[in-house]
């Protein structure tokens, strides 16, 4: 350790009381985090790329500073999906410090990691007050049945109005409108349920019929139309 001449000539003084860092909530405990291994929790972060063409939602399950589980969800950019595939392989097994200083291929994923890092070290985790935290595998629960990201896709123009394309329930096949042309409901296909049925050997047409559902007053609609072609 090298000290300047000015410091060398100073007389030593006793250090005042030191109480350590403020404790943060972690998995049902209050923890004074001093090292990477002191950090545990399950939490989410959202990131975006420089041109803001796409976004990433990153969910990590961290135990004693090490990433044990990662869920990488992206939207808006085709290349980002491939970046997510690489990031999923890169993240697991790293400490959160390593992950912060690793190229996660895509700006949006890197930004999500930064935002998530800030949350986790300040104790803003989903599992902050859950005793023992969440088990490895909890990330899949965010996807629900069928293991698909919950996506909302809507398109609208001033001249032609809105088009519902995809909801949390699934792919929108038809929208129902009233006599004034306002949307009052929609029909959807749960693609997760559809594919599960196909994999079990169900006929495609039968699987499609079983995977369909409606929302709102779709049955009362004066007109039902395909939002992608009408």
Protein backbone atom coordinates (compact mmCIF):
# COMPACT_ATOMS: atom_id res chain seq x y z
CA UNK A 1 0.00 0.00 0.00
CA UNK A 2 1.48 3.37 -1.00
CA UNK A 3 0.58 6.54 0.95
CA UNK A 4 1.31 10.11 0.01
CA UNK A 5 3.76 12.13 2.11
CA UNK A 6 0.87 14.20 3.49
CA UNK A 7 -0.89 11.12 4.80
CA UNK A 8 2.31 9.61 6.19
CA UNK A 9 2.80 12.73 8.35
CA UNK A 10 -0.73 12.63 9.77
CA UNK A 11 -1.23 11.35 13.30
CA UNK A 12 -3.52 8.31 13.67
CA UNK A 13 -6.99 8.79 15.16
CA UNK A 14 -9.38 6.16 16.46
CA UNK A 15 -12.21 5.14 14.17
CA UNK A 16 -15.71 5.95 15.38
CA UNK A 17 -18.46 3.34 15.81
CA UNK A 18 -19.11 1.19 12.77
CA UNK A 19 -22.44 -0.59 12.48
CA UNK A 20 -22.01 -2.11 9.02
CA UNK A 21 -24.35 -1.77 6.03
CA UNK A 22 -28.08 -1.43 6.45
CA UNK A 23 -29.70 -4.88 6.45
CA UNK A 24 -31.77 -5.87 3.44
CA UNK A 25 -34.62 -8.40 3.30
CA UNK A 26 -33.58 -11.70 1.76
CA UNK A 27 -35.67 -14.85 1.69
CA UNK A 28 -37.36 -14.18 5.02
CA UNK A 29 -34.22 -12.85 6.77
CA UNK A 30 -32.56 -9.49 7.32
CA UNK A 31 -29.02 -9.66 5.94
CA UNK A 32 -26.07 -7.28 6.16
CA UNK A 33 -24.66 -7.94 2.71
CA UNK A 34 -20.89 -7.48 2.68
CA UNK A 35 -19.83 -10.07 0.09
CA UNK A 36 -21.31 -11.54 -3.06
CA UNK A 37 -22.15 -14.78 -1.23
CA UNK A 38 -24.43 -12.79 1.09
CA UNK A 39 -26.89 -12.15 -1.75
CA UNK A 40 -29.85 -14.46 -2.37
CA UNK A 41 -33.26 -13.97 -3.95
CA UNK A 42 -35.52 -14.39 -6.95
CA UNK A 43 -36.26 -11.23 -8.91
CA UNK A 44 -36.86 -9.68 -12.32
CA UNK A 45 -35.38 -6.90 -14.42
CA UNK A 46 -36.36 -5.25 -17.69
CA UNK A 47 -33.86 -3.93 -20.24
CA UNK A 48 -33.81 -2.26 -23.65
CA UNK A 49 -31.28 -1.78 -26.43
CA UNK A 50 -29.81 1.53 -27.60
CA UNK A 51 -32.19 1.99 -30.57
CA UNK A 52 -35.00 0.71 -28.27
CA UNK A 53 -36.13 -1.68 -30.96
CA UNK A 54 -36.56 -4.55 -28.52
CA UNK A 55 -36.81 -5.34 -24.82
CA UNK A 56 -35.85 -8.13 -22.45
CA UNK A 57 -37.38 -9.35 -19.20
CA UNK A 58 -34.78 -11.26 -17.21
CA UNK A 59 -35.65 -13.37 -14.15
CA UNK A 60 -32.90 -14.84 -11.98
CA UNK A 61 -32.94 -17.14 -8.96
CA UNK A 62 -29.79 -16.42 -6.97
CA UNK A 63 -28.57 -18.54 -4.06
CA UNK A 64 -25.55 -17.34 -2.04
CA UNK A 65 -24.45 -15.04 -4.82
CA UNK A 66 -24.58 -17.63 -7.62
CA UNK A 67 -27.17 -17.67 -10.41
CA UNK A 68 -28.94 -21.02 -10.20
CA UNK A 69 -31.83 -20.32 -12.59
CA UNK A 70 -32.43 -17.91 -15.46
CA UNK A 71 -35.50 -17.05 -17.50
CA UNK A 72 -34.78 -14.81 -20.50
CA UNK A 73 -37.80 -13.39 -22.35
CA UNK A 74 -37.40 -11.03 -25.30
CA UNK A 75 -39.71 -9.14 -27.65
CA UNK A 76 -39.48 -6.89 -30.67
CA UNK A 77 -36.24 -8.07 -32.27
CA UNK A 78 -35.56 -11.34 -34.09
CA UNK A 79 -31.81 -11.31 -33.37
CA UNK A 80 -32.51 -10.84 -29.68
CA UNK A 81 -34.08 -14.29 -29.47
CA UNK A 82 -30.77 -15.85 -30.47
CA UNK A 83 -28.94 -13.60 -28.02
CA UNK A 84 -31.28 -14.87 -25.31
CA UNK A 85 -30.33 -18.46 -26.15
CA UNK A 86 -26.66 -17.63 -25.63
CA UNK A 87 -27.35 -15.59 -22.49
CA UNK A 88 -29.23 -18.51 -20.93
CA UNK A 89 -26.10 -20.63 -21.29
CA UNK A 90 -23.79 -17.86 -20.10
CA UNK A 91 -25.67 -16.78 -16.96
CA UNK A 92 -26.09 -19.99 -14.98
CA UNK A 93 -23.29 -20.72 -12.53
CA UNK A 94 -21.94 -17.16 -12.50
CA UNK A 95 -21.98 -14.85 -9.53
CA UNK A 96 -24.04 -11.71 -9.95
CA UNK A 97 -20.78 -9.70 -10.09
CA UNK A 98 -19.50 -11.88 -12.94
CA UNK A 99 -22.83 -11.60 -14.76
CA UNK A 100 -22.69 -7.81 -14.51
CA UNK A 101 -19.28 -7.81 -16.17
CA UNK A 102 -20.03 -10.42 -18.84
CA UNK A 103 -21.17 -9.63 -22.37
CA UNK A 104 -24.67 -11.11 -22.52
CA UNK A 105 -24.63 -10.68 -26.32
CA UNK A 106 -27.49 -8.16 -26.54
CA UNK A 107 -27.74 -4.62 -25.11
CA UNK A 108 -31.27 -5.24 -23.88
CA UNK A 109 -30.19 -8.32 -21.91
CA UNK A 110 -27.16 -6.49 -20.50
CA UNK A 111 -29.40 -3.60 -19.43
CA UNK A 112 -31.87 -6.02 -17.84
CA UNK A 113 -28.98 -7.56 -15.88
CA UNK A 114 -27.95 -4.10 -14.66
CA UNK A 115 -31.46 -3.22 -13.51
CA UNK A 116 -31.90 -6.61 -11.86
CA UNK A 117 -28.53 -6.29 -10.10
CA UNK A 118 -29.62 -2.99 -8.56
CA UNK A 119 -32.84 -4.55 -7.29
CA UNK A 120 -31.26 -7.64 -5.81
CA UNK A 121 -28.48 -5.85 -3.91
CA UNK A 122 -31.00 -3.44 -2.40
CA UNK A 123 -33.32 -6.25 -1.31
CA UNK A 124 -36.10 -5.54 -3.83
CA UNK A 125 -36.64 -9.16 -4.72
CA UNK A 126 -39.86 -11.06 -5.25
CA UNK A 127 -38.75 -13.52 -2.56
CA UNK A 128 -37.58 -10.89 -0.05
CA UNK A 129 -40.05 -11.99 2.61
CA UNK A 130 -40.49 -15.65 1.58
CA UNK A 131 -38.77 -17.87 4.15
CA UNK A 132 -36.13 -19.93 2.40
CA UNK A 133 -36.82 -18.14 -0.87
CA UNK A 134 -38.27 -19.74 -3.98
CA UNK A 135 -37.14 -23.20 -5.16
CA UNK A 136 -35.15 -23.61 -8.35
CA UNK A 137 -37.79 -23.96 -11.05
CA UNK A 138 -39.90 -21.05 -9.83
CA UNK A 139 -39.09 -19.19 -13.04
CA UNK A 140 -41.22 -21.59 -15.04
CA UNK A 141 -44.26 -20.55 -12.99
CA UNK A 142 -44.02 -17.10 -14.60
CA UNK A 143 -44.84 -18.77 -17.91
CA UNK A 144 -47.90 -20.68 -16.74
CA UNK A 145 -49.36 -23.72 -18.49
CA UNK A 146 -47.87 -24.44 -21.89
CA UNK A 147 -44.64 -22.68 -20.86
CA UNK A 148 -45.05 -19.66 -23.12
CA UNK A 149 -44.28 -16.02 -22.36
CA UNK A 150 -47.28 -13.87 -21.67
CA UNK A 151 -47.35 -11.48 -24.62
CA UNK A 152 -49.73 -8.71 -25.57
CA UNK A 153 -49.62 -7.61 -29.20
CA UNK A 154 -51.97 -4.89 -30.44
CA UNK A 155 -51.89 -2.86 -33.62
CA UNK A 156 -53.90 0.24 -34.44
CA UNK A 157 -54.21 3.00 -37.02
CA UNK A 158 -56.23 6.18 -36.80
CA UNK A 159 -57.99 5.35 -40.05
CA UNK A 160 -58.89 1.71 -39.32
CA UNK A 161 -58.81 1.47 -35.52
CA UNK A 162 -57.36 -1.24 -33.23
CA UNK A 163 -56.54 -4.87 -33.92
CA UNK A 164 -56.04 -7.37 -31.09
CA UNK A 165 -53.40 -9.88 -32.21
CA UNK A 166 -52.26 -11.70 -29.09
CA UNK A 167 -53.30 -11.69 -25.45
CA UNK A 168 -52.12 -13.52 -22.33
CA UNK A 169 -54.73 -16.19 -23.13
CA UNK A 170 -53.18 -16.83 -26.52
CA UNK A 171 -53.22 -16.07 -30.25
CA UNK A 172 -56.29 -14.02 -31.18
CA UNK A 173 -58.09 -15.65 -34.11
CA UNK A 174 -61.16 -13.38 -34.30
CA UNK A 175 -62.43 -10.21 -32.67
CA UNK A 176 -66.10 -9.50 -32.10
CA UNK A 177 -67.50 -6.02 -32.70
CA UNK A 178 -70.89 -4.46 -31.94
CA UNK A 179 -73.11 -2.52 -34.36
CA UNK A 180 -71.01 0.61 -33.86
CA UNK A 181 -67.82 -1.27 -34.76
CA UNK A 182 -66.36 -1.28 -31.22
CA UNK A 183 -64.55 -4.43 -30.06
CA UNK A 184 -66.55 -6.24 -27.35
CA UNK A 185 -64.71 -9.57 -27.21
CA UNK A 186 -62.36 -11.96 -28.95
CA UNK A 187 -61.70 -15.59 -29.72
CA UNK A 188 -58.26 -17.03 -29.02
CA UNK A 189 -56.20 -20.20 -29.32
CA UNK A 190 -54.03 -21.20 -26.38
CA UNK A 191 -50.97 -22.30 -28.33
CA UNK A 192 -49.46 -24.00 -25.30
CA UNK A 193 -52.51 -26.22 -24.83
CA UNK A 194 -52.72 -26.79 -28.57
CA UNK A 195 -49.13 -28.02 -28.85
CA UNK A 196 -49.43 -30.15 -25.71
CA UNK A 197 -52.42 -31.93 -27.24
CA UNK A 198 -50.63 -32.42 -30.58
CA UNK A 199 -47.64 -33.97 -28.79
CA UNK A 200 -49.99 -36.43 -27.09
CA UNK A 201 -51.24 -37.60 -30.48
CA UNK A 202 -54.52 -35.69 -30.68
CA UNK A 203 -55.76 -34.90 -34.19
CA UNK A 204 -54.82 -31.32 -35.13
CA UNK A 205 -58.39 -30.18 -35.79
CA UNK A 206 -59.62 -31.69 -32.54
CA UNK A 207 -56.69 -30.18 -30.63
CA UNK A 208 -57.41 -26.77 -32.16
CA UNK A 209 -61.07 -26.91 -31.17
CA UNK A 210 -60.20 -27.84 -27.58
CA UNK A 211 -57.57 -25.10 -27.32
CA UNK A 212 -59.96 -22.33 -28.39
CA UNK A 213 -61.74 -20.00 -26.01
CA UNK A 214 -63.47 -16.62 -25.96
CA UNK A 215 -63.35 -13.52 -23.82
CA UNK A 216 -65.86 -10.76 -23.26
CA UNK A 217 -69.14 -10.65 -25.20
CA UNK A 218 -67.75 -12.36 -28.28
CA UNK A 219 -70.89 -14.50 -28.73
CA UNK A 220 -73.07 -11.36 -28.82
CA UNK A 221 -71.01 -9.63 -31.50
CA UNK A 222 -72.79 -8.21 -34.51
CA UNK A 223 -69.73 -9.10 -36.58
CA UNK A 224 -66.74 -11.38 -36.08
CA UNK A 225 -63.58 -10.72 -38.09
CA UNK A 226 -59.99 -11.87 -38.49
CA UNK A 227 -57.85 -9.02 -37.07
CA UNK A 228 -54.95 -9.85 -39.37
CA UNK A 229 -56.82 -9.83 -42.67
CA UNK A 230 -60.06 -7.87 -42.28
